[in-house]
Amino acid sequence: MGLERDFFARDTLVVARALLGKKLIRCLGDEVLSGVVVEVEAYFGQNDSASHAFRGCTPRNEVMFGPAGFAYVYFVYGLHYMLNVVTETEGIPGAVLLRAIEPLQGQKHMQQLRRRNGKGLTNGPGKLCQAMAIDKTFDRWDLTQKERLWLETHNAVPSECIITGPRVGISYASPEDQQAPWRFWIKGNAYVSK
């Protein structure tokens, strides 16, 4: 069953934890690619110096200030796309970065897109997007519509199997925000990035 807007329109940390174990689905013509979300990071608004919303609303990040359940996709380092899911109620910026998935369906197609196999296939946010053919065209995509790209229920992850720690690659943020335990992952999963 696809995730509805109410699932996303909650506190960002609650949504981040709840996304673990959910299934990300991408339809590419007749091909279906899917994977279980195994690692995420939470980003807030103007109180989070690691967030794109820290300095307020801009044309690039305005989707973070809109209704929950939309994709926020951006390009980093001139190399990789990143897929985020918008959270919170409209007007309160928040998003969860999908950092890694464990492939379920369409692994051969993912391997062709990534030219890799094994855990290196989707064990990072840029790798995940490349393996699932997610690019800037999905920015502002309504993930509740269940067309081309969406999330649905799959497995509940017991709280004792969820590990938290600092987010990755945010050396530009304040020391406090660098250390905030807002990265969540499934304990022992081989597809976790770090």
N, C-alpha and C. Protein backbone atom coordinates (compact mmCIF):
# COMPACT_ATOMS: atom_id res chain seq x y z
N MET A 1 0.83 -1.17 0.00
CA MET A 1 0.00 0.00 0.00
C MET A 1 0.88 1.25 0.00
N GLY A 2 0.57 2.20 -0.87
CA GLY A 2 1.35 3.42 -0.97
C GLY A 2 1.20 4.30 0.26
N LEU A 3 2.24 5.05 0.57
CA LEU A 3 2.20 5.96 1.71
C LEU A 3 1.42 7.21 1.35
N GLU A 4 0.53 7.61 2.24
CA GLU A 4 -0.32 8.78 2.02
C GLU A 4 0.34 10.04 2.59
N ARG A 5 -0.21 11.19 2.26
CA ARG A 5 0.37 12.46 2.69
C ARG A 5 0.48 12.56 4.21
N ASP A 6 -0.49 12.02 4.94
CA ASP A 6 -0.46 12.08 6.41
C ASP A 6 0.79 11.41 6.98
N PHE A 7 1.28 10.38 6.31
CA PHE A 7 2.50 9.71 6.78
C PHE A 7 3.67 10.69 6.81
N PHE A 8 3.77 11.52 5.79
CA PHE A 8 4.89 12.45 5.64
C PHE A 8 4.71 13.74 6.44
N ALA A 9 3.46 14.13 6.70
CA ALA A 9 3.16 15.42 7.35
C ALA A 9 3.27 15.30 8.87
N ARG A 10 4.42 14.85 9.32
CA ARG A 10 4.71 14.69 10.75
C ARG A 10 6.11 15.23 11.03
N ASP A 11 6.49 15.19 12.28
CA ASP A 11 7.83 15.61 12.68
C ASP A 11 8.88 14.86 11.84
N THR A 12 9.88 15.57 11.39
CA THR A 12 10.89 15.01 10.49
C THR A 12 11.60 13.80 11.09
N LEU A 13 11.92 13.85 12.39
CA LEU A 13 12.60 12.70 13.02
C LEU A 13 11.69 11.48 13.06
N VAL A 14 10.40 11.70 13.29
CA VAL A 14 9.44 10.59 13.31
C VAL A 14 9.35 9.95 11.92
N VAL A 15 9.27 10.79 10.90
CA VAL A 15 9.19 10.28 9.52
C VAL A 15 10.48 9.56 9.14
N ALA A 16 11.62 10.11 9.52
CA ALA A 16 12.91 9.48 9.19
C ALA A 16 12.96 8.05 9.71
N ARG A 17 12.65 7.87 10.98
CA ARG A 17 12.63 6.52 11.57
C ARG A 17 11.63 5.62 10.85
N ALA A 18 10.44 6.17 10.60
CA ALA A 18 9.35 5.39 10.01
C ALA A 18 9.64 4.98 8.57
N LEU A 19 10.50 5.71 7.87
CA LEU A 19 10.83 5.36 6.48
C LEU A 19 11.70 4.11 6.39
N LEU A 20 12.43 3.79 7.46
CA LEU A 20 13.24 2.57 7.43
C LEU A 20 12.32 1.36 7.28
N GLY A 21 12.65 0.50 6.33
CA GLY A 21 11.83 -0.68 6.06
C GLY A 21 10.76 -0.47 5.01
N LYS A 22 10.52 0.79 4.61
CA LYS A 22 9.54 1.05 3.56
C LYS A 22 10.18 0.73 2.20
N LYS A 23 9.31 0.54 1.20
CA LYS A 23 9.79 0.17 -0.13
C LYS A 23 9.73 1.37 -1.06
N LEU A 24 10.87 1.69 -1.71
CA LEU A 24 10.94 2.71 -2.74
C LEU A 24 10.74 2.02 -4.08
N ILE A 25 9.80 2.52 -4.87
CA ILE A 25 9.47 1.89 -6.16
C ILE A 25 9.65 2.90 -7.28
N ARG A 26 10.29 2.44 -8.36
CA ARG A 26 10.51 3.26 -9.55
C ARG A 26 10.10 2.45 -10.76
N CYS A 27 9.14 2.97 -11.52
CA CYS A 27 8.72 2.33 -12.77
C CYS A 27 9.42 3.02 -13.92
N LEU A 28 10.14 2.21 -14.70
CA LEU A 28 10.88 2.68 -15.88
C LEU A 28 10.29 1.96 -17.08
N GLY A 29 9.27 2.51 -17.69
CA GLY A 29 8.58 1.80 -18.76
C GLY A 29 7.94 0.55 -18.21
N ASP A 30 8.31 -0.61 -18.76
CA ASP A 30 7.77 -1.89 -18.28
C ASP A 30 8.58 -2.46 -17.12
N GLU A 31 9.70 -1.86 -16.81
CA GLU A 31 10.59 -2.36 -15.76
C GLU A 31 10.22 -1.74 -14.41
N VAL A 32 10.17 -2.58 -13.38
CA VAL A 32 9.94 -2.10 -12.02
C VAL A 32 11.21 -2.31 -11.21
N LEU A 33 11.70 -1.22 -10.63
CA LEU A 33 12.86 -1.27 -9.75
C LEU A 33 12.37 -0.95 -8.34
N SER A 34 12.84 -1.70 -7.37
CA SER A 34 12.43 -1.39 -6.00
C SER A 34 13.51 -1.80 -5.01
N GLY A 35 13.42 -1.21 -3.84
CA GLY A 35 14.34 -1.53 -2.77
C GLY A 35 13.80 -1.08 -1.43
N VAL A 36 14.29 -1.71 -0.38
CA VAL A 36 13.90 -1.37 0.98
C VAL A 36 14.80 -0.25 1.50
N VAL A 37 14.21 0.78 2.06
CA VAL A 37 14.97 1.89 2.63
C VAL A 37 15.69 1.39 3.88
N VAL A 38 17.03 1.52 3.90
CA VAL A 38 17.82 1.01 5.02
C VAL A 38 18.63 2.10 5.73
N GLU A 39 18.67 3.31 5.15
CA GLU A 39 19.43 4.41 5.76
C GLU A 39 18.85 5.74 5.32
N VAL A 40 18.68 6.66 6.26
CA VAL A 40 18.13 7.99 5.99
C VAL A 40 18.82 9.03 6.86
N GLU A 41 18.63 10.31 6.49
CA GLU A 41 19.07 11.43 7.33
C GLU A 41 17.96 12.46 7.38
N ALA A 42 17.76 13.06 8.55
CA ALA A 42 16.74 14.09 8.76
C ALA A 42 17.37 15.48 8.65
N TYR A 43 16.65 16.39 7.98
CA TYR A 43 17.07 17.79 7.84
C TYR A 43 15.90 18.69 8.17
N PHE A 44 16.19 19.73 8.94
CA PHE A 44 15.15 20.64 9.41
C PHE A 44 15.26 21.97 8.69
N GLY A 45 14.73 23.02 9.27
CA GLY A 45 14.70 24.33 8.63
C GLY A 45 15.77 25.26 9.14
N GLN A 46 15.33 26.43 9.59
CA GLN A 46 16.26 27.49 9.94
C GLN A 46 17.01 27.25 11.25
N ASN A 47 16.72 26.17 11.95
CA ASN A 47 17.47 25.81 13.16
C ASN A 47 18.48 24.71 12.89
N ASP A 48 18.69 24.36 11.63
CA ASP A 48 19.60 23.27 11.25
C ASP A 48 20.56 23.80 10.20
N SER A 49 21.79 24.12 10.62
CA SER A 49 22.75 24.73 9.69
C SER A 49 23.22 23.78 8.59
N ALA A 50 22.87 22.50 8.67
CA ALA A 50 23.19 21.55 7.61
C ALA A 50 22.10 21.49 6.54
N SER A 51 20.98 22.13 6.81
CA SER A 51 19.82 22.06 5.91
C SER A 51 19.88 23.10 4.80
N HIS A 52 19.37 22.76 3.64
CA HIS A 52 19.24 23.72 2.55
C HIS A 52 18.26 24.83 2.91
N ALA A 53 17.39 24.60 3.90
CA ALA A 53 16.40 25.60 4.31
C ALA A 53 16.93 26.53 5.41
N PHE A 54 18.17 26.36 5.81
CA PHE A 54 18.74 27.12 6.93
C PHE A 54 18.65 28.62 6.71
N ARG A 55 18.91 29.08 5.51
CA ARG A 55 18.91 30.52 5.21
C ARG A 55 17.57 31.01 4.66
N GLY A 56 16.54 30.19 4.76
CA GLY A 56 15.22 30.60 4.31
C GLY A 56 14.84 29.99 2.97
N CYS A 57 13.69 30.40 2.50
CA CYS A 57 13.11 29.85 1.27
C CYS A 57 13.76 30.48 0.04
N THR A 58 14.16 29.64 -0.91
CA THR A 58 14.73 30.08 -2.18
C THR A 58 14.03 29.30 -3.30
N PRO A 59 14.21 29.70 -4.55
CA PRO A 59 13.61 28.91 -5.63
C PRO A 59 14.07 27.45 -5.61
N ARG A 60 15.32 27.20 -5.21
CA ARG A 60 15.84 25.83 -5.20
C ARG A 60 15.17 24.97 -4.13
N ASN A 61 14.99 25.53 -2.93
CA ASN A 61 14.52 24.70 -1.81
C ASN A 61 13.05 24.90 -1.45
N GLU A 62 12.32 25.70 -2.21
CA GLU A 62 10.95 26.05 -1.80
C GLU A 62 10.05 24.83 -1.62
N VAL A 63 10.36 23.73 -2.28
CA VAL A 63 9.55 22.52 -2.09
C VAL A 63 9.61 22.05 -0.64
N MET A 64 10.71 22.32 0.07
CA MET A 64 10.84 21.94 1.48
C MET A 64 9.84 22.68 2.37
N PHE A 65 9.35 23.81 1.91
CA PHE A 65 8.41 24.62 2.67
C PHE A 65 6.96 24.31 2.31
N GLY A 66 6.76 23.45 1.33
CA GLY A 66 5.42 23.14 0.83
C GLY A 66 4.80 21.95 1.53
N PRO A 67 3.78 21.37 0.90
CA PRO A 67 3.12 20.21 1.50
C PRO A 67 4.07 19.01 1.57
N ALA A 68 3.83 18.17 2.55
CA ALA A 68 4.63 16.96 2.74
C ALA A 68 4.33 15.94 1.65
N GLY A 69 5.27 15.01 1.47
CA GLY A 69 5.06 13.92 0.52
C GLY A 69 5.57 14.18 -0.88
N PHE A 70 6.25 15.30 -1.08
CA PHE A 70 6.84 15.61 -2.37
C PHE A 70 8.34 15.31 -2.34
N ALA A 71 8.90 15.04 -3.50
CA ALA A 71 10.34 14.80 -3.61
C ALA A 71 11.08 16.12 -3.74
N TYR A 72 12.22 16.19 -3.10
CA TYR A 72 13.16 17.29 -3.27
C TYR A 72 14.44 16.65 -3.80
N VAL A 73 14.71 16.87 -5.09
CA VAL A 73 15.88 16.27 -5.75
C VAL A 73 16.82 17.39 -6.16
N TYR A 74 18.08 17.23 -5.82
CA TYR A 74 19.08 18.22 -6.20
C TYR A 74 20.36 17.50 -6.63
N PHE A 75 21.24 18.28 -7.26
CA PHE A 75 22.49 17.77 -7.84
C PHE A 75 23.65 18.28 -6.98
N VAL A 76 24.58 17.40 -6.60
CA VAL A 76 25.72 17.82 -5.78
C VAL A 76 27.04 17.41 -6.42
N TYR A 77 28.05 18.20 -6.13
CA TYR A 77 29.43 17.93 -6.58
C TYR A 77 29.54 17.77 -8.09
N GLY A 78 28.54 18.22 -8.84
CA GLY A 78 28.55 18.06 -10.28
C GLY A 78 28.49 16.61 -10.72
N LEU A 79 28.10 15.71 -9.80
CA LEU A 79 28.13 14.27 -10.08
C LEU A 79 26.85 13.52 -9.76
N HIS A 80 26.23 13.84 -8.63
CA HIS A 80 25.19 12.97 -8.08
C HIS A 80 23.88 13.70 -7.81
N TYR A 81 22.78 12.99 -8.05
CA TYR A 81 21.47 13.45 -7.61
C TYR A 81 21.19 12.89 -6.23
N MET A 82 20.43 13.64 -5.44
CA MET A 82 20.04 13.22 -4.10
C MET A 82 18.52 13.29 -4.00
N LEU A 83 17.91 12.24 -3.46
CA LEU A 83 16.45 12.18 -3.30
C LEU A 83 16.09 12.39 -1.84
N ASN A 84 15.28 13.42 -1.60
CA ASN A 84 14.75 13.72 -0.28
C ASN A 84 13.24 13.65 -0.33
N VAL A 85 12.63 13.36 0.80
CA VAL A 85 11.18 13.34 0.94
C VAL A 85 10.80 14.50 1.86
N VAL A 86 9.92 15.38 1.41
CA VAL A 86 9.50 16.53 2.20
C VAL A 86 8.59 16.07 3.34
N THR A 87 8.82 16.65 4.53
CA THR A 87 8.09 16.30 5.74
C THR A 87 7.46 17.56 6.35
N GLU A 88 6.86 17.40 7.51
CA GLU A 88 6.27 18.49 8.29
C GLU A 88 5.00 19.02 7.63
N THR A 89 4.38 20.01 8.27
CA THR A 89 3.19 20.65 7.70
C THR A 89 3.64 21.80 6.82
N GLU A 90 2.78 22.20 5.90
CA GLU A 90 3.13 23.26 4.96
C GLU A 90 3.58 24.51 5.70
N GLY A 91 4.68 25.09 5.24
CA GLY A 91 5.24 26.28 5.86
C GLY A 91 6.37 25.99 6.83
N ILE A 92 6.48 24.74 7.28
CA ILE A 92 7.57 24.34 8.17
C ILE A 92 8.52 23.45 7.36
N PRO A 93 9.73 23.94 7.05
CA PRO A 93 10.62 23.15 6.19
C PRO A 93 11.19 21.93 6.90
N GLY A 94 11.24 20.84 6.16
CA GLY A 94 11.84 19.61 6.65
C GLY A 94 11.91 18.61 5.51
N ALA A 95 12.89 17.73 5.58
CA ALA A 95 13.03 16.69 4.55
C ALA A 95 13.89 15.56 5.10
N VAL A 96 13.69 14.39 4.52
CA VAL A 96 14.50 13.22 4.86
C VAL A 96 15.23 12.78 3.61
N LEU A 97 16.55 12.73 3.69
CA LEU A 97 17.39 12.24 2.60
C LEU A 97 17.40 10.73 2.63
N LEU A 98 17.08 10.09 1.51
CA LEU A 98 17.19 8.64 1.41
C LEU A 98 18.64 8.33 1.07
N ARG A 99 19.36 7.71 1.99
CA ARG A 99 20.80 7.46 1.82
C ARG A 99 21.11 6.10 1.20
N ALA A 100 20.28 5.10 1.46
CA ALA A 100 20.59 3.76 0.94
C ALA A 100 19.34 2.89 0.93
N ILE A 101 19.30 1.99 -0.06
CA ILE A 101 18.25 0.98 -0.13
C ILE A 101 18.89 -0.39 -0.34
N GLU A 102 18.17 -1.42 0.06
CA GLU A 102 18.55 -2.79 -0.26
C GLU A 102 17.69 -3.22 -1.44
N PRO A 103 18.29 -3.50 -2.61
CA PRO A 103 17.50 -3.82 -3.81
C PRO A 103 16.59 -5.02 -3.62
N LEU A 104 15.39 -4.92 -4.19
CA LEU A 104 14.43 -6.03 -4.19
C LEU A 104 14.14 -6.50 -5.61
N GLN A 105 13.66 -5.59 -6.46
CA GLN A 105 13.29 -5.92 -7.84
C GLN A 105 14.16 -5.13 -8.82
N GLY A 106 14.41 -5.72 -9.97
CA GLY A 106 15.10 -5.03 -11.04
C GLY A 106 16.59 -4.85 -10.83
N GLN A 107 17.21 -5.77 -10.10
CA GLN A 107 18.64 -5.61 -9.81
C GLN A 107 19.50 -5.61 -11.07
N LYS A 108 19.15 -6.42 -12.05
CA LYS A 108 19.95 -6.44 -13.29
C LYS A 108 19.90 -5.09 -13.98
N HIS A 109 18.73 -4.48 -14.01
CA HIS A 109 18.60 -3.16 -14.62
C HIS A 109 19.38 -2.11 -13.82
N MET A 110 19.32 -2.22 -12.49
CA MET A 110 20.10 -1.31 -11.64
C MET A 110 21.59 -1.47 -11.92
N GLN A 111 22.04 -2.70 -12.09
CA GLN A 111 23.45 -2.96 -12.36
C GLN A 111 23.87 -2.34 -13.69
N GLN A 112 22.99 -2.36 -14.68
CA GLN A 112 23.30 -1.73 -15.96
C GLN A 112 23.41 -0.21 -15.80
N LEU A 113 22.51 0.37 -15.02
CA LEU A 113 22.54 1.81 -14.81
C LEU A 113 23.76 2.25 -14.01
N ARG A 114 24.19 1.43 -13.05
CA ARG A 114 25.31 1.77 -12.17
C ARG A 114 26.64 1.19 -12.63
N ARG A 115 26.59 0.17 -13.49
CA ARG A 115 27.79 -0.57 -13.88
C ARG A 115 28.51 -1.13 -12.65
N ARG A 116 27.71 -1.57 -11.70
CA ARG A 116 28.20 -2.16 -10.45
C ARG A 116 27.22 -3.23 -10.01
N ASN A 117 27.67 -4.06 -9.06
CA ASN A 117 26.76 -4.99 -8.42
C ASN A 117 27.14 -5.11 -6.95
N GLY A 118 26.48 -5.98 -6.25
CA GLY A 118 26.75 -6.14 -4.82
C GLY A 118 26.29 -4.95 -4.02
N LYS A 119 26.82 -4.82 -2.80
CA LYS A 119 26.35 -3.76 -1.92
C LYS A 119 26.69 -2.37 -2.44
N GLY A 120 27.70 -2.24 -3.31
CA GLY A 120 28.05 -0.96 -3.91
C GLY A 120 27.01 -0.44 -4.89
N LEU A 121 25.98 -1.23 -5.12
CA LEU A 121 24.94 -0.85 -6.07
C LEU A 121 24.11 0.33 -5.57
N THR A 122 23.71 0.31 -4.31
CA THR A 122 22.78 1.33 -3.79
C THR A 122 23.15 1.79 -2.38
N ASN A 123 24.40 1.67 -1.98
CA ASN A 123 24.79 2.00 -0.61
C ASN A 123 25.28 3.43 -0.46
N GLY A 124 24.52 4.35 -0.95
CA GLY A 124 24.81 5.78 -0.83
C GLY A 124 23.75 6.55 -1.59
N PRO A 125 23.50 7.81 -1.24
CA PRO A 125 22.40 8.54 -1.86
C PRO A 125 22.57 8.78 -3.36
N GLY A 126 23.79 9.06 -3.81
CA GLY A 126 24.03 9.23 -5.24
C GLY A 126 23.92 7.92 -5.99
N LYS A 127 24.43 6.85 -5.39
CA LYS A 127 24.36 5.51 -6.00
C LYS A 127 22.91 5.06 -6.12
N LEU A 128 22.15 5.29 -5.07
CA LEU A 128 20.72 4.95 -5.07
C LEU A 128 20.02 5.62 -6.25
N CYS A 129 20.25 6.93 -6.40
CA CYS A 129 19.59 7.67 -7.49
C CYS A 129 20.04 7.19 -8.86
N GLN A 130 21.32 6.90 -9.02
CA GLN A 130 21.80 6.40 -10.30
C GLN A 130 21.19 5.03 -10.61
N ALA A 131 21.15 4.15 -9.63
CA ALA A 131 20.61 2.79 -9.82
C ALA A 131 19.12 2.80 -10.12
N MET A 132 18.40 3.81 -9.63
CA MET A 132 16.95 3.90 -9.81
C MET A 132 16.56 4.89 -10.91
N ALA A 133 17.56 5.46 -11.61
CA ALA A 133 17.31 6.44 -12.67
C ALA A 133 16.46 7.61 -12.15
N ILE A 134 16.88 8.15 -11.01
CA ILE A 134 16.21 9.31 -10.41
C ILE A 134 17.09 10.52 -10.66
N ASP A 135 16.51 11.53 -11.30
CA ASP A 135 17.26 12.74 -11.61
C ASP A 135 16.40 13.96 -11.28
N LYS A 136 16.83 15.13 -11.74
CA LYS A 136 16.17 16.40 -11.41
C LYS A 136 14.73 16.46 -11.90
N THR A 137 14.38 15.63 -12.88
CA THR A 137 12.98 15.65 -13.36
C THR A 137 12.01 15.21 -12.26
N PHE A 138 12.52 14.57 -11.21
CA PHE A 138 11.67 14.15 -10.10
C PHE A 138 11.61 15.18 -8.97
N ASP A 139 12.30 16.31 -9.12
CA ASP A 139 12.19 17.36 -8.12
C ASP A 139 10.74 17.84 -8.10
N ARG A 140 10.15 17.94 -6.93
CA ARG A 140 8.76 18.35 -6.72
C ARG A 140 7.75 17.29 -7.16
N TRP A 141 8.22 16.07 -7.31
CA TRP A 141 7.35 14.95 -7.70
C TRP A 141 6.48 14.55 -6.51
N ASP A 142 5.18 14.38 -6.75
CA ASP A 142 4.27 13.97 -5.68
C ASP A 142 4.40 12.47 -5.45
N LEU A 143 5.05 12.10 -4.37
CA LEU A 143 5.31 10.69 -4.08
C LEU A 143 4.08 9.94 -3.58
N THR A 144 2.97 10.64 -3.38
CA THR A 144 1.74 9.97 -2.95
C THR A 144 0.88 9.53 -4.13
N GLN A 145 1.27 9.86 -5.36
CA GLN A 145 0.47 9.55 -6.55
C GLN A 145 0.68 8.14 -7.09
N LYS A 146 1.71 7.46 -6.63
CA LYS A 146 1.99 6.08 -7.03
C LYS A 146 2.15 5.94 -8.55
N GLU A 147 2.86 6.89 -9.13
CA GLU A 147 3.20 6.86 -10.56
C GLU A 147 4.69 7.12 -10.72
N ARG A 148 5.38 6.25 -11.42
CA ARG A 148 6.80 6.39 -11.75
C ARG A 148 7.74 6.32 -10.55
N LEU A 149 7.40 6.99 -9.44
CA LEU A 149 8.25 6.97 -8.25
C LEU A 149 7.38 7.18 -7.02
N TRP A 150 7.45 6.22 -6.07
CA TRP A 150 6.68 6.36 -4.84
C TRP A 150 7.23 5.43 -3.77
N LEU A 151 6.68 5.56 -2.57
CA LEU A 151 7.05 4.73 -1.43
C LEU A 151 5.82 3.99 -0.94
N GLU A 152 6.02 2.76 -0.48
CA GLU A 152 4.90 2.03 0.10
C GLU A 152 5.33 1.23 1.32
N THR A 153 4.34 0.76 2.06
CA THR A 153 4.63 -0.04 3.25
C THR A 153 5.31 -1.33 2.82
N HIS A 154 6.13 -1.86 3.71
CA HIS A 154 6.81 -3.12 3.43
C HIS A 154 7.02 -3.86 4.73
N ASN A 155 8.08 -3.58 5.43
CA ASN A 155 8.37 -4.23 6.71
C ASN A 155 8.53 -3.20 7.81
N ALA A 156 7.96 -3.50 8.96
CA ALA A 156 8.22 -2.66 10.14
C ALA A 156 9.59 -3.06 10.69
N VAL A 157 10.36 -2.07 11.09
CA VAL A 157 11.68 -2.33 11.66
C VAL A 157 11.59 -2.11 13.17
N PRO A 158 11.85 -3.14 13.97
CA PRO A 158 11.80 -2.97 15.43
C PRO A 158 12.80 -1.91 15.89
N SER A 159 12.43 -1.16 16.91
CA SER A 159 13.28 -0.06 17.37
C SER A 159 14.67 -0.53 17.79
N GLU A 160 14.78 -1.76 18.30
CA GLU A 160 16.11 -2.26 18.70
C GLU A 160 17.02 -2.53 17.50
N CYS A 161 16.46 -2.51 16.29
CA CYS A 161 17.25 -2.73 15.07
C CYS A 161 17.61 -1.42 14.38
N ILE A 162 17.23 -0.29 14.98
CA ILE A 162 17.51 1.02 14.39
C ILE A 162 18.66 1.67 15.15
N ILE A 163 19.69 2.06 14.41
CA ILE A 163 20.86 2.74 14.97
C ILE A 163 20.80 4.20 14.56
N THR A 164 21.26 5.09 15.44
CA THR A 164 21.32 6.51 15.12
C THR A 164 22.74 7.01 15.26
N GLY A 165 23.05 8.07 14.53
CA GLY A 165 24.37 8.67 14.62
C GLY A 165 24.40 9.98 13.86
N PRO A 166 25.55 10.64 13.81
CA PRO A 166 25.67 11.91 13.10
C PRO A 166 25.49 11.73 11.59
N ARG A 167 25.02 12.79 10.96
CA ARG A 167 24.86 12.79 9.51
C ARG A 167 26.23 12.85 8.83
N VAL A 168 26.25 12.51 7.56
CA VAL A 168 27.50 12.37 6.80
C VAL A 168 27.70 13.57 5.88
N GLY A 169 28.95 14.03 5.76
CA GLY A 169 29.31 15.03 4.74
C GLY A 169 28.77 16.42 4.99
N ILE A 170 28.68 16.83 6.24
CA ILE A 170 28.14 18.17 6.54
C ILE A 170 29.15 19.00 7.34
N SER A 171 30.39 18.98 6.93
CA SER A 171 31.45 19.69 7.65
C SER A 171 31.22 21.21 7.68
N TYR A 172 30.38 21.72 6.79
CA TYR A 172 30.07 23.14 6.74
C TYR A 172 29.11 23.56 7.85
N ALA A 173 28.45 22.63 8.50
CA ALA A 173 27.44 22.92 9.52
C ALA A 173 28.10 23.25 10.86
N SER A 174 27.32 23.79 11.78
CA SER A 174 27.83 24.08 13.12
C SER A 174 28.24 22.78 13.80
N PRO A 175 29.18 22.84 14.75
CA PRO A 175 29.60 21.61 15.45
C PRO A 175 28.41 20.87 16.08
N GLU A 176 27.48 21.62 16.65
CA GLU A 176 26.31 20.99 17.26
C GLU A 176 25.49 20.23 16.22
N ASP A 177 25.26 20.85 15.06
CA ASP A 177 24.47 20.18 14.02
C ASP A 177 25.23 19.02 13.39
N GLN A 178 26.56 19.12 13.33
CA GLN A 178 27.36 18.01 12.81
C GLN A 178 27.22 16.77 13.69
N GLN A 179 27.07 16.98 14.99
CA GLN A 179 27.00 15.85 15.93
C GLN A 179 25.58 15.37 16.21
N ALA A 180 24.57 16.09 15.76
CA ALA A 180 23.19 15.69 16.03
C ALA A 180 22.95 14.28 15.49
N PRO A 181 22.34 13.40 16.26
CA PRO A 181 22.14 12.00 15.84
C PRO A 181 20.93 11.83 14.93
N TRP A 182 20.98 12.48 13.77
CA TRP A 182 19.83 12.51 12.87
C TRP A 182 20.02 11.65 11.63
N ARG A 183 20.96 10.72 11.69
CA ARG A 183 21.07 9.68 10.66
C ARG A 183 20.57 8.39 11.30
N PHE A 184 19.73 7.68 10.56
CA PHE A 184 19.12 6.44 11.06
C PHE A 184 19.41 5.33 10.07
N TRP A 185 19.77 4.13 10.57
CA TRP A 185 20.00 3.01 9.68
C TRP A 185 19.62 1.71 10.35
N ILE A 186 19.44 0.69 9.52
CA ILE A 186 19.08 -0.63 10.03
C ILE A 186 20.36 -1.37 10.41
N LYS A 187 20.41 -1.77 11.66
CA LYS A 187 21.58 -2.45 12.22
C LYS A 187 21.95 -3.67 11.39
N GLY A 188 23.23 -3.75 11.02
CA GLY A 188 23.75 -4.92 10.34
C GLY A 188 23.41 -5.05 8.87
N ASN A 189 22.69 -4.09 8.30
CA ASN A 189 22.34 -4.20 6.88
C ASN A 189 23.56 -3.87 6.02
N ALA A 190 23.87 -4.75 5.08
CA ALA A 190 25.07 -4.61 4.24
C ALA A 190 25.01 -3.42 3.30
N TYR A 191 23.82 -2.87 3.05
CA TYR A 191 23.69 -1.76 2.10
C TYR A 191 23.81 -0.38 2.75
N VAL A 192 23.98 -0.32 4.06
CA VAL A 192 24.18 0.96 4.73
C VAL A 192 25.49 1.55 4.24
N SER A 193 25.51 2.87 3.99
CA SER A 193 26.65 3.49 3.32
C SER A 193 27.90 3.61 4.18
N LYS A 194 27.77 3.87 5.44
CA LYS A 194 28.95 4.11 6.30
C LYS A 194 28.86 3.26 7.54
